[in-house]
């Protein structure tokens, strides 16, 4: 079963924001995800942490509209979609969009 991560910035971290995103990338580099979509300003830090992994599975986006555009083909392929970010990033709208488009729970 495919594992698709849809992540965004963790905004509540203050001075720890950079290090936390780098560390998240390191942790994800050792996980078994198939695709990672990311929305937010911290995507460079996340990519820095991911550098040990093939970045061809990392899809950064600059806006919700772009994120939906690059994520749309993934929905047809199915799998498990995990959506997580600070509320202010707006990924709640993306989670609802995924539910509507894929008849997911």
PDB file of N, CA and C in Angstrom:
ATOM      1  N   UNK A   1       0.845  -1.183   0.000  1.00  0.00           N
ATOM      2  CA  UNK A   1       0.000   0.000   0.000  1.00  0.00           C
ATOM      3  C   UNK A   1       0.884   1.238   0.000  1.00  0.00           C
ATOM      4  N   UNK A   2       0.609   2.154  -0.907  1.00  0.00           N
ATOM      5  CA  UNK A   2       1.405   3.380  -1.029  1.00  0.00           C
ATOM      6  C   UNK A   2       1.191   4.294   0.175  1.00  0.00           C
ATOM      7  N   UNK A   3       2.260   4.944   0.612  1.00  0.00           N
ATOM      8  CA  UNK A   3       2.200   5.897   1.726  1.00  0.00           C
ATOM      9  C   UNK A   3       2.582   7.270   1.206  1.00  0.00           C
ATOM     10  N   UNK A   4       1.607   8.190   1.235  1.00  0.00           N
ATOM     11  CA  UNK A   4       1.803   9.534   0.718  1.00  0.00           C
ATOM     12  C   UNK A   4       1.693  10.523   1.874  1.00  0.00           C
ATOM     13  N   UNK A   5       2.737  11.304   2.067  1.00  0.00           N
ATOM     14  CA  UNK A   5       2.747  12.331   3.111  1.00  0.00           C
ATOM     15  C   UNK A   5       2.464  13.687   2.477  1.00  0.00           C
ATOM     16  N   UNK A   6       1.560  14.429   3.089  1.00  0.00           N
ATOM     17  CA  UNK A   6       1.254  15.789   2.671  1.00  0.00           C
ATOM     18  C   UNK A   6       1.502  16.650   3.901  1.00  0.00           C
ATOM     19  N   UNK A   7       2.635  17.312   3.916  1.00  0.00           N
ATOM     20  CA  UNK A   7       3.062  18.039   5.103  1.00  0.00           C
ATOM     21  C   UNK A   7       3.224  19.526   4.819  1.00  0.00           C
ATOM     22  N   UNK A   8       3.240  20.294   5.899  1.00  0.00           N
ATOM     23  CA  UNK A   8       3.468  21.727   5.799  1.00  0.00           C
ATOM     24  C   UNK A   8       4.230  22.215   7.012  1.00  0.00           C
ATOM     25  N   UNK A   9       4.557  23.485   6.977  1.00  0.00           N
ATOM     26  CA  UNK A   9       5.350  24.096   8.042  1.00  0.00           C
ATOM     27  C   UNK A   9       4.766  23.868   9.427  1.00  0.00           C
ATOM     28  N   UNK A  10       5.686  23.717  10.377  1.00  0.00           N
ATOM     29  CA  UNK A  10       5.332  23.698  11.799  1.00  0.00           C
ATOM     30  C   UNK A  10       5.665  25.097  12.315  1.00  0.00           C
ATOM     31  N   UNK A  11       4.666  25.942  12.438  1.00  0.00           N
ATOM     32  CA  UNK A  11       4.875  27.366  12.718  1.00  0.00           C
ATOM     33  C   UNK A  11       5.065  27.700  14.189  1.00  0.00           C
ATOM     34  N   UNK A  12       4.699  26.851  15.102  1.00  0.00           N
ATOM     35  CA  UNK A  12       4.685  27.183  16.524  1.00  0.00           C
ATOM     36  C   UNK A  12       6.016  26.947  17.218  1.00  0.00           C
ATOM     37  N   UNK A  13       7.074  26.692  16.491  1.00  0.00           N
ATOM     38  CA  UNK A  13       8.320  26.251  17.095  1.00  0.00           C
ATOM     39  C   UNK A  13       9.292  27.371  17.456  1.00  0.00           C
ATOM     40  N   UNK A  14       9.014  28.570  17.017  1.00  0.00           N
ATOM     41  CA  UNK A  14       9.884  29.692  17.354  1.00  0.00           C
ATOM     42  C   UNK A  14      11.315  29.457  16.920  1.00  0.00           C
ATOM     43  N   UNK A  15      12.252  29.622  17.864  1.00  0.00           N
ATOM     44  CA  UNK A  15      13.676  29.491  17.565  1.00  0.00           C
ATOM     45  C   UNK A  15      14.079  28.075  17.157  1.00  0.00           C
ATOM     46  N   UNK A  16      13.238  27.109  17.416  1.00  0.00           N
ATOM     47  CA  UNK A  16      13.532  25.706  17.091  1.00  0.00           C
ATOM     48  C   UNK A  16      13.053  25.314  15.689  1.00  0.00           C
ATOM     49  N   UNK A  17      12.415  26.247  14.975  1.00  0.00           N
ATOM     50  CA  UNK A  17      11.785  25.907  13.696  1.00  0.00           C
ATOM     51  C   UNK A  17      12.765  25.278  12.694  1.00  0.00           C
ATOM     52  N   UNK A  18      13.906  25.920  12.481  1.00  0.00           N
ATOM     53  CA  UNK A  18      14.867  25.394  11.494  1.00  0.00           C
ATOM     54  C   UNK A  18      15.340  23.999  11.885  1.00  0.00           C
ATOM     55  N   UNK A  19      15.821  23.851  13.099  1.00  0.00           N
ATOM     56  CA  UNK A  19      16.367  22.554  13.527  1.00  0.00           C
ATOM     57  C   UNK A  19      15.292  21.464  13.513  1.00  0.00           C
ATOM     58  N   UNK A  20      14.066  21.806  13.900  1.00  0.00           N
ATOM     59  CA  UNK A  20      12.990  20.806  13.924  1.00  0.00           C
ATOM     60  C   UNK A  20      12.656  20.321  12.515  1.00  0.00           C
ATOM     61  N   UNK A  21      12.658  21.215  11.535  1.00  0.00           N
ATOM     62  CA  UNK A  21      12.359  20.800  10.166  1.00  0.00           C
ATOM     63  C   UNK A  21      13.500  19.960   9.578  1.00  0.00           C
ATOM     64  N   UNK A  22      14.736  20.326   9.893  1.00  0.00           N
ATOM     65  CA  UNK A  22      15.871  19.510   9.440  1.00  0.00           C
ATOM     66  C   UNK A  22      15.784  18.118  10.058  1.00  0.00           C
ATOM     67  N   UNK A  23      15.510  18.063  11.354  1.00  0.00           N
ATOM     68  CA  UNK A  23      15.408  16.769  12.036  1.00  0.00           C
ATOM     69  C   UNK A  23      14.246  15.947  11.489  1.00  0.00           C
ATOM     70  N   UNK A  24      13.122  16.591  11.209  1.00  0.00           N
ATOM     71  CA  UNK A  24      11.995  15.880  10.609  1.00  0.00           C
ATOM     72  C   UNK A  24      12.419  15.262   9.279  1.00  0.00           C
ATOM     73  N   UNK A  25      13.141  16.018   8.471  1.00  0.00           N
ATOM     74  CA  UNK A  25      13.639  15.487   7.201  1.00  0.00           C
ATOM     75  C   UNK A  25      14.522  14.270   7.409  1.00  0.00           C
ATOM     76  N   UNK A  26      15.390  14.318   8.418  1.00  0.00           N
ATOM     77  CA  UNK A  26      16.257  13.173   8.715  1.00  0.00           C
ATOM     78  C   UNK A  26      15.438  11.949   9.102  1.00  0.00           C
ATOM     79  N   UNK A  27      14.444  12.167   9.943  1.00  0.00           N
ATOM     80  CA  UNK A  27      13.583  11.048  10.367  1.00  0.00           C
ATOM     81  C   UNK A  27      12.815  10.476   9.174  1.00  0.00           C
ATOM     82  N   UNK A  28      12.307  11.357   8.333  1.00  0.00           N
ATOM     83  CA  UNK A  28      11.547  10.901   7.171  1.00  0.00           C
ATOM     84  C   UNK A  28      12.443  10.164   6.171  1.00  0.00           C
ATOM     85  N   UNK A  29      13.706  10.567   6.095  1.00  0.00           N
ATOM     86  CA  UNK A  29      14.639   9.909   5.175  1.00  0.00           C
ATOM     87  C   UNK A  29      14.781   8.428   5.497  1.00  0.00           C
ATOM     88  N   UNK A  30      14.549   8.083   6.737  1.00  0.00           N
ATOM     89  CA  UNK A  30      14.661   6.684   7.157  1.00  0.00           C
ATOM     90  C   UNK A  30      13.321   5.971   7.216  1.00  0.00           C
ATOM     91  N   UNK A  31      12.276   6.639   6.783  1.00  0.00           N
ATOM     92  CA  UNK A  31      10.942   6.027   6.818  1.00  0.00           C
ATOM     93  C   UNK A  31      10.612   5.431   5.452  1.00  0.00           C
ATOM     94  N   UNK A  32       9.476   4.810   5.355  1.00  0.00           N
ATOM     95  CA  UNK A  32       9.115   4.113   4.125  1.00  0.00           C
ATOM     96  C   UNK A  32       8.070   4.823   3.287  1.00  0.00           C
ATOM     97  N   UNK A  33       8.093   6.147   3.236  1.00  0.00           N
ATOM     98  CA  UNK A  33       7.089   6.848   2.433  1.00  0.00           C
ATOM     99  C   UNK A  33       7.380   6.671   0.937  1.00  0.00           C
ATOM    100  N   UNK A  34       6.313   6.760   0.137  1.00  0.00           N
ATOM    101  CA  UNK A  34       6.461   6.676  -1.314  1.00  0.00           C
ATOM    102  C   UNK A  34       6.562   8.056  -1.959  1.00  0.00           C
ATOM    103  N   UNK A  35       5.810   8.999  -1.427  1.00  0.00           N
ATOM    104  CA  UNK A  35       5.816  10.376  -1.932  1.00  0.00           C
ATOM    105  C   UNK A  35       5.677  11.321  -0.748  1.00  0.00           C
ATOM    106  N   UNK A  36       6.333  12.477  -0.862  1.00  0.00           N
ATOM    107  CA  UNK A  36       6.230  13.512   0.166  1.00  0.00           C
ATOM    108  C   UNK A  36       5.958  14.840  -0.521  1.00  0.00           C
ATOM    109  N   UNK A  37       4.796  15.374  -0.254  1.00  0.00           N
ATOM    110  CA  UNK A  37       4.397  16.690  -0.761  1.00  0.00           C
ATOM    111  C   UNK A  37       4.514  17.679   0.385  1.00  0.00           C
ATOM    112  N   UNK A  38       5.039  18.877   0.105  1.00  0.00           N
ATOM    113  CA  UNK A  38       5.289  19.825   1.186  1.00  0.00           C
ATOM    114  C   UNK A  38       4.903  21.239   0.766  1.00  0.00           C
ATOM    115  N   UNK A  39       4.204  21.913   1.671  1.00  0.00           N
ATOM    116  CA  UNK A  39       3.818  23.308   1.453  1.00  0.00           C
ATOM    117  C   UNK A  39       4.368  24.148   2.583  1.00  0.00           C
ATOM    118  N   UNK A  40       5.144  25.159   2.241  1.00  0.00           N
ATOM    119  CA  UNK A  40       5.609  26.081   3.259  1.00  0.00           C
ATOM    120  C   UNK A  40       7.013  26.592   3.036  1.00  0.00           C
ATOM    121  N   UNK A  41       7.346  27.562   3.838  1.00  0.00           N
ATOM    122  CA  UNK A  41       8.631  28.233   3.738  1.00  0.00           C
ATOM    123  C   UNK A  41       9.788  27.378   4.238  1.00  0.00           C
ATOM    124  N   UNK A  42       9.525  26.374   5.025  1.00  0.00           N
ATOM    125  CA  UNK A  42      10.586  25.542   5.608  1.00  0.00           C
ATOM    126  C   UNK A  42      10.974  24.373   4.714  1.00  0.00           C
ATOM    127  N   UNK A  43      10.506  24.348   3.481  1.00  0.00           N
ATOM    128  CA  UNK A  43      10.783  23.210   2.612  1.00  0.00           C
ATOM    129  C   UNK A  43      12.281  23.024   2.352  1.00  0.00           C
ATOM    130  N   UNK A  44      13.062  24.089   2.350  1.00  0.00           N
ATOM    131  CA  UNK A  44      14.503  23.964   2.170  1.00  0.00           C
ATOM    132  C   UNK A  44      15.158  23.245   3.337  1.00  0.00           C
ATOM    133  N   UNK A  45      14.714  23.555   4.552  1.00  0.00           N
ATOM    134  CA  UNK A  45      15.249  22.886   5.736  1.00  0.00           C
ATOM    135  C   UNK A  45      14.868  21.410   5.726  1.00  0.00           C
ATOM    136  N   UNK A  46      13.622  21.121   5.348  1.00  0.00           N
ATOM    137  CA  UNK A  46      13.192  19.732   5.276  1.00  0.00           C
ATOM    138  C   UNK A  46      14.029  18.974   4.242  1.00  0.00           C
ATOM    139  N   UNK A  47      14.248  19.585   3.096  1.00  0.00           N
ATOM    140  CA  UNK A  47      15.063  18.959   2.046  1.00  0.00           C
ATOM    141  C   UNK A  47      16.488  18.728   2.534  1.00  0.00           C
ATOM    142  N   UNK A  48      17.007  19.643   3.334  1.00  0.00           N
ATOM    143  CA  UNK A  48      18.347  19.473   3.906  1.00  0.00           C
ATOM    144  C   UNK A  48      18.403  18.201   4.753  1.00  0.00           C
ATOM    145  N   UNK A  49      17.373  17.977   5.532  1.00  0.00           N
ATOM    146  CA  UNK A  49      17.315  16.763   6.340  1.00  0.00           C
ATOM    147  C   UNK A  49      17.113  15.507   5.516  1.00  0.00           C
ATOM    148  N   UNK A  50      16.438  15.643   4.401  1.00  0.00           N
ATOM    149  CA  UNK A  50      16.160  14.502   3.518  1.00  0.00           C
ATOM    150  C   UNK A  50      17.339  14.137   2.626  1.00  0.00           C
ATOM    151  N   UNK A  51      18.382  14.923   2.618  1.00  0.00           N
ATOM    152  CA  UNK A  51      19.424  14.800   1.599  1.00  0.00           C
ATOM    153  C   UNK A  51      20.016  13.413   1.436  1.00  0.00           C
ATOM    154  N   UNK A  52      19.900  12.593   2.445  1.00  0.00           N
ATOM    155  CA  UNK A  52      20.417  11.231   2.322  1.00  0.00           C
ATOM    156  C   UNK A  52      19.480  10.339   1.520  1.00  0.00           C
ATOM    157  N   UNK A  53      18.292  10.820   1.251  1.00  0.00           N
ATOM    158  CA  UNK A  53      17.297  10.028   0.526  1.00  0.00           C
ATOM    159  C   UNK A  53      17.117  10.607  -0.874  1.00  0.00           C
ATOM    160  N   UNK A  54      16.620   9.828  -1.764  1.00  0.00           N
ATOM    161  CA  UNK A  54      16.354  10.264  -3.127  1.00  0.00           C
ATOM    162  C   UNK A  54      15.299  11.368  -3.127  1.00  0.00           C
ATOM    163  N   UNK A  55      15.704  12.590  -3.458  1.00  0.00           N
ATOM    164  CA  UNK A  55      14.774  13.719  -3.444  1.00  0.00           C
ATOM    165  C   UNK A  55      13.773  13.685  -4.610  1.00  0.00           C
ATOM    166  N   UNK A  56      13.865  12.679  -5.467  1.00  0.00           N
ATOM    167  CA  UNK A  56      12.891  12.581  -6.560  1.00  0.00           C
ATOM    168  C   UNK A  56      11.496  12.242  -6.027  1.00  0.00           C
ATOM    169  N   UNK A  57      11.406  11.863  -4.757  1.00  0.00           N
ATOM    170  CA  UNK A  57      10.104  11.565  -4.144  1.00  0.00           C
ATOM    171  C   UNK A  57       9.575  12.741  -3.334  1.00  0.00           C
ATOM    172  N   UNK A  58      10.262  13.868  -3.370  1.00  0.00           N
ATOM    173  CA  UNK A  58       9.914  15.080  -2.614  1.00  0.00           C
ATOM    174  C   UNK A  58       9.355  16.113  -3.573  1.00  0.00           C
ATOM    175  N   UNK A  59       8.129  16.569  -3.293  1.00  0.00           N
ATOM    176  CA  UNK A  59       7.433  17.502  -4.169  1.00  0.00           C
ATOM    177  C   UNK A  59       7.046  18.761  -3.391  1.00  0.00           C
ATOM    178  N   UNK A  60       7.892  19.782  -3.411  1.00  0.00           N
ATOM    179  CA  UNK A  60       7.557  21.017  -2.711  1.00  0.00           C
ATOM    180  C   UNK A  60       6.586  21.860  -3.536  1.00  0.00           C
ATOM    181  N   UNK A  61       5.740  22.608  -2.849  1.00  0.00           N
ATOM    182  CA  UNK A  61       4.767  23.488  -3.513  1.00  0.00           C
ATOM    183  C   UNK A  61       4.839  24.875  -2.884  1.00  0.00           C
ATOM    184  N   UNK A  62       4.491  25.874  -3.668  1.00  0.00           N
ATOM    185  CA  UNK A  62       4.529  27.254  -3.208  1.00  0.00           C
ATOM    186  C   UNK A  62       3.162  27.779  -2.778  1.00  0.00           C
ATOM    187  N   UNK A  63       2.107  27.066  -3.133  1.00  0.00           N
ATOM    188  CA  UNK A  63       0.749  27.519  -2.809  1.00  0.00           C
ATOM    189  C   UNK A  63      -0.182  26.318  -2.687  1.00  0.00           C
ATOM    190  N   UNK A  64      -1.348  26.545  -2.082  1.00  0.00           N
ATOM    191  CA  UNK A  64      -2.346  25.472  -1.998  1.00  0.00           C
ATOM    192  C   UNK A  64      -2.772  25.025  -3.387  1.00  0.00           C
ATOM    193  N   UNK A  65      -2.921  25.978  -4.298  1.00  0.00           N
ATOM    194  CA  UNK A  65      -3.332  25.650  -5.668  1.00  0.00           C
ATOM    195  C   UNK A  65      -2.296  24.750  -6.343  1.00  0.00           C
ATOM    196  N   UNK A  66      -1.015  25.095  -6.204  1.00  0.00           N
ATOM    197  CA  UNK A  66       0.039  24.270  -6.794  1.00  0.00           C
ATOM    198  C   UNK A  66       0.086  22.895  -6.136  1.00  0.00           C
ATOM    199  N   UNK A  67      -0.071  22.851  -4.817  1.00  0.00           N
ATOM    200  CA  UNK A  67      -0.065  21.577  -4.103  1.00  0.00           C
ATOM    201  C   UNK A  67      -1.157  20.659  -4.629  1.00  0.00           C
ATOM    202  N   UNK A  68      -2.359  21.175  -4.776  1.00  0.00           N
ATOM    203  CA  UNK A  68      -3.451  20.356  -5.299  1.00  0.00           C
ATOM    204  C   UNK A  68      -3.152  19.875  -6.711  1.00  0.00           C
ATOM    205  N   UNK A  69      -2.546  20.735  -7.508  1.00  0.00           N
ATOM    206  CA  UNK A  69      -2.231  20.388  -8.892  1.00  0.00           C
ATOM    207  C   UNK A  69      -1.242  19.225  -8.975  1.00  0.00           C
ATOM    208  N   UNK A  70      -0.191  19.261  -8.151  1.00  0.00           N
ATOM    209  CA  UNK A  70       0.794  18.189  -8.222  1.00  0.00           C
ATOM    210  C   UNK A  70       0.358  16.941  -7.446  1.00  0.00           C
ATOM    211  N   UNK A  71      -0.583  17.121  -6.547  1.00  0.00           N
ATOM    212  CA  UNK A  71      -1.096  15.991  -5.755  1.00  0.00           C
ATOM    213  C   UNK A  71      -2.211  15.243  -6.478  1.00  0.00           C
ATOM    214  N   UNK A  72      -2.913  15.901  -7.355  1.00  0.00           N
ATOM    215  CA  UNK A  72      -4.082  15.329  -8.031  1.00  0.00           C
ATOM    216  C   UNK A  72      -3.804  13.968  -8.679  1.00  0.00           C
ATOM    217  N   UNK A  73      -2.730  13.793  -9.452  1.00  0.00           N
ATOM    218  CA  UNK A  73      -2.483  12.480 -10.073  1.00  0.00           C
ATOM    219  C   UNK A  73      -2.255  11.360  -9.046  1.00  0.00           C
ATOM    220  N   UNK A  74      -1.790  11.713  -7.869  1.00  0.00           N
ATOM    221  CA  UNK A  74      -1.538  10.717  -6.824  1.00  0.00           C
ATOM    222  C   UNK A  74      -2.829  10.089  -6.309  1.00  0.00           C
ATOM    223  N   UNK A  75      -3.906  10.856  -6.314  1.00  0.00           N
ATOM    224  CA  UNK A  75      -5.174  10.355  -5.781  1.00  0.00           C
ATOM    225  C   UNK A  75      -5.670   9.144  -6.558  1.00  0.00           C
ATOM    226  N   UNK A  76      -5.472   9.165  -7.861  1.00  0.00           N
ATOM    227  CA  UNK A  76      -5.922   8.050  -8.695  1.00  0.00           C
ATOM    228  C   UNK A  76      -5.140   6.771  -8.394  1.00  0.00           C
ATOM    229  N   UNK A  77      -3.923   6.914  -7.882  1.00  0.00           N
ATOM    230  CA  UNK A  77      -3.087   5.756  -7.583  1.00  0.00           C
ATOM    231  C   UNK A  77      -3.420   5.116  -6.240  1.00  0.00           C
ATOM    232  N   UNK A  78      -4.171   5.844  -5.416  1.00  0.00           N
ATOM    233  CA  UNK A  78      -4.606   5.319  -4.133  1.00  0.00           C
ATOM    234  C   UNK A  78      -3.494   5.258  -3.107  1.00  0.00           C
ATOM    235  N   UNK A  79      -3.821   4.711  -1.956  1.00  0.00           N
ATOM    236  CA  UNK A  79      -2.865   4.579  -0.879  1.00  0.00           C
ATOM    237  C   UNK A  79      -3.354   5.268   0.375  1.00  0.00           C
ATOM    238  N   UNK A  80      -2.446   5.390   1.317  1.00  0.00           N
ATOM    239  CA  UNK A  80      -2.729   6.074   2.573  1.00  0.00           C
ATOM    240  C   UNK A  80      -2.154   7.476   2.467  1.00  0.00           C
ATOM    241  N   UNK A  81      -2.973   8.481   2.768  1.00  0.00           N
ATOM    242  CA  UNK A  81      -2.548   9.877   2.719  1.00  0.00           C
ATOM    243  C   UNK A  81      -2.555  10.438   4.137  1.00  0.00           C
ATOM    244  N   UNK A  82      -1.396  10.890   4.591  1.00  0.00           N
ATOM    245  CA  UNK A  82      -1.284  11.546   5.883  1.00  0.00           C
ATOM    246  C   UNK A  82      -1.098  13.030   5.632  1.00  0.00           C
ATOM    247  N   UNK A  83      -1.986  13.852   6.211  1.00  0.00           N
ATOM    248  CA  UNK A  83      -1.924  15.303   6.038  1.00  0.00           C
ATOM    249  C   UNK A  83      -1.658  15.922   7.398  1.00  0.00           C
ATOM    250  N   UNK A  84      -0.565  16.718   7.508  1.00  0.00           N
ATOM    251  CA  UNK A  84      -0.209  17.298   8.794  1.00  0.00           C
ATOM    252  C   UNK A  84       0.588  18.585   8.607  1.00  0.00           C
ATOM    253  N   UNK A  85       0.185  19.617   9.332  1.00  0.00           N
ATOM    254  CA  UNK A  85       0.892  20.906   9.354  1.00  0.00           C
ATOM    255  C   UNK A  85       0.257  21.762  10.424  1.00  0.00           C
ATOM    256  N   UNK A  86       0.857  22.902  10.677  1.00  0.00           N
ATOM    257  CA  UNK A  86       0.211  23.884  11.544  1.00  0.00           C
ATOM    258  C   UNK A  86      -1.078  24.343  10.865  1.00  0.00           C
ATOM    259  N   UNK A  87      -2.076  24.622  11.654  1.00  0.00           N
ATOM    260  CA  UNK A  87      -3.389  25.006  11.120  1.00  0.00           C
ATOM    261  C   UNK A  87      -3.293  26.186  10.154  1.00  0.00           C
ATOM    262  N   UNK A  88      -2.441  27.135  10.446  1.00  0.00           N
ATOM    263  CA  UNK A  88      -2.333  28.346   9.641  1.00  0.00           C
ATOM    264  C   UNK A  88      -1.888  28.078   8.205  1.00  0.00           C
ATOM    265  N   UNK A  89      -1.244  26.942   7.961  1.00  0.00           N
ATOM    266  CA  UNK A  89      -0.770  26.598   6.619  1.00  0.00           C
ATOM    267  C   UNK A  89      -1.946  26.313   5.686  1.00  0.00           C
ATOM    268  N   UNK A  90      -3.062  25.832   6.218  1.00  0.00           N
ATOM    269  CA  UNK A  90      -4.260  25.612   5.417  1.00  0.00           C
ATOM    270  C   UNK A  90      -4.416  24.219   4.849  1.00  0.00           C
ATOM    271  N   UNK A  91      -3.677  23.256   5.362  1.00  0.00           N
ATOM    272  CA  UNK A  91      -3.784  21.907   4.813  1.00  0.00           C
ATOM    273  C   UNK A  91      -5.096  21.218   5.176  1.00  0.00           C
ATOM    274  N   UNK A  92      -5.861  21.783   6.099  1.00  0.00           N
ATOM    275  CA  UNK A  92      -7.188  21.237   6.378  1.00  0.00           C
ATOM    276  C   UNK A  92      -8.044  21.243   5.122  1.00  0.00           C
ATOM    277  N   UNK A  93      -7.894  22.284   4.313  1.00  0.00           N
ATOM    278  CA  UNK A  93      -8.621  22.372   3.040  1.00  0.00           C
ATOM    279  C   UNK A  93      -8.153  21.279   2.081  1.00  0.00           C
ATOM    280  N   UNK A  94      -6.880  20.979   2.112  1.00  0.00           N
ATOM    281  CA  UNK A  94      -6.335  19.931   1.249  1.00  0.00           C
ATOM    282  C   UNK A  94      -6.832  18.559   1.711  1.00  0.00           C
ATOM    283  N   UNK A  95      -6.876  18.351   3.016  1.00  0.00           N
ATOM    284  CA  UNK A  95      -7.382  17.072   3.539  1.00  0.00           C
ATOM    285  C   UNK A  95      -8.832  16.858   3.115  1.00  0.00           C
ATOM    286  N   UNK A  96      -9.638  17.894   3.214  1.00  0.00           N
ATOM    287  CA  UNK A  96     -11.042  17.788   2.781  1.00  0.00           C
ATOM    288  C   UNK A  96     -11.119  17.533   1.278  1.00  0.00           C
ATOM    289  N   UNK A  97     -10.295  18.196   0.517  1.00  0.00           N
ATOM    290  CA  UNK A  97     -10.254  18.017  -0.937  1.00  0.00           C
ATOM    291  C   UNK A  97      -9.877  16.575  -1.276  1.00  0.00           C
ATOM    292  N   UNK A  98      -8.894  16.019  -0.565  1.00  0.00           N
ATOM    293  CA  UNK A  98      -8.495  14.627  -0.794  1.00  0.00           C
ATOM    294  C   UNK A  98      -9.661  13.701  -0.483  1.00  0.00           C
ATOM    295  N   UNK A  99     -10.352  13.945   0.625  1.00  0.00           N
ATOM    296  CA  UNK A  99     -11.518  13.111   0.979  1.00  0.00           C
ATOM    297  C   UNK A  99     -12.590  13.147  -0.094  1.00  0.00           C
ATOM    298  N   UNK A 100     -12.878  14.316  -0.600  1.00  0.00           N
ATOM    299  CA  UNK A 100     -13.916  14.469  -1.627  1.00  0.00           C
ATOM    300  C   UNK A 100     -13.507  13.797  -2.943  1.00  0.00           C
ATOM    301  N   UNK A 101     -12.250  13.928  -3.324  1.00  0.00           N
ATOM    302  CA  UNK A 101     -11.792  13.412  -4.614  1.00  0.00           C
ATOM    303  C   UNK A 101     -11.564  11.903  -4.605  1.00  0.00           C
ATOM    304  N   UNK A 102     -11.275  11.347  -3.438  1.00  0.00           N
ATOM    305  CA  UNK A 102     -10.900   9.934  -3.412  1.00  0.00           C
ATOM    306  C   UNK A 102     -11.886   9.055  -2.654  1.00  0.00           C
ATOM    307  N   UNK A 103     -12.980   9.643  -2.198  1.00  0.00           N
ATOM    308  CA  UNK A 103     -13.959   8.912  -1.398  1.00  0.00           C
ATOM    309  C   UNK A 103     -13.320   8.252  -0.171  1.00  0.00           C
ATOM    310  N   UNK A 104     -12.330   8.926   0.374  1.00  0.00           N
ATOM    311  CA  UNK A 104     -11.628   8.398   1.555  1.00  0.00           C
ATOM    312  C   UNK A 104     -12.409   8.713   2.819  1.00  0.00           C
ATOM    313  N   UNK A 105     -12.031   8.033   3.884  1.00  0.00           N
ATOM    314  CA  UNK A 105     -12.631   8.285   5.185  1.00  0.00           C
ATOM    315  C   UNK A 105     -11.947   9.430   5.874  1.00  0.00           C
TER     316      UNK A 105
END
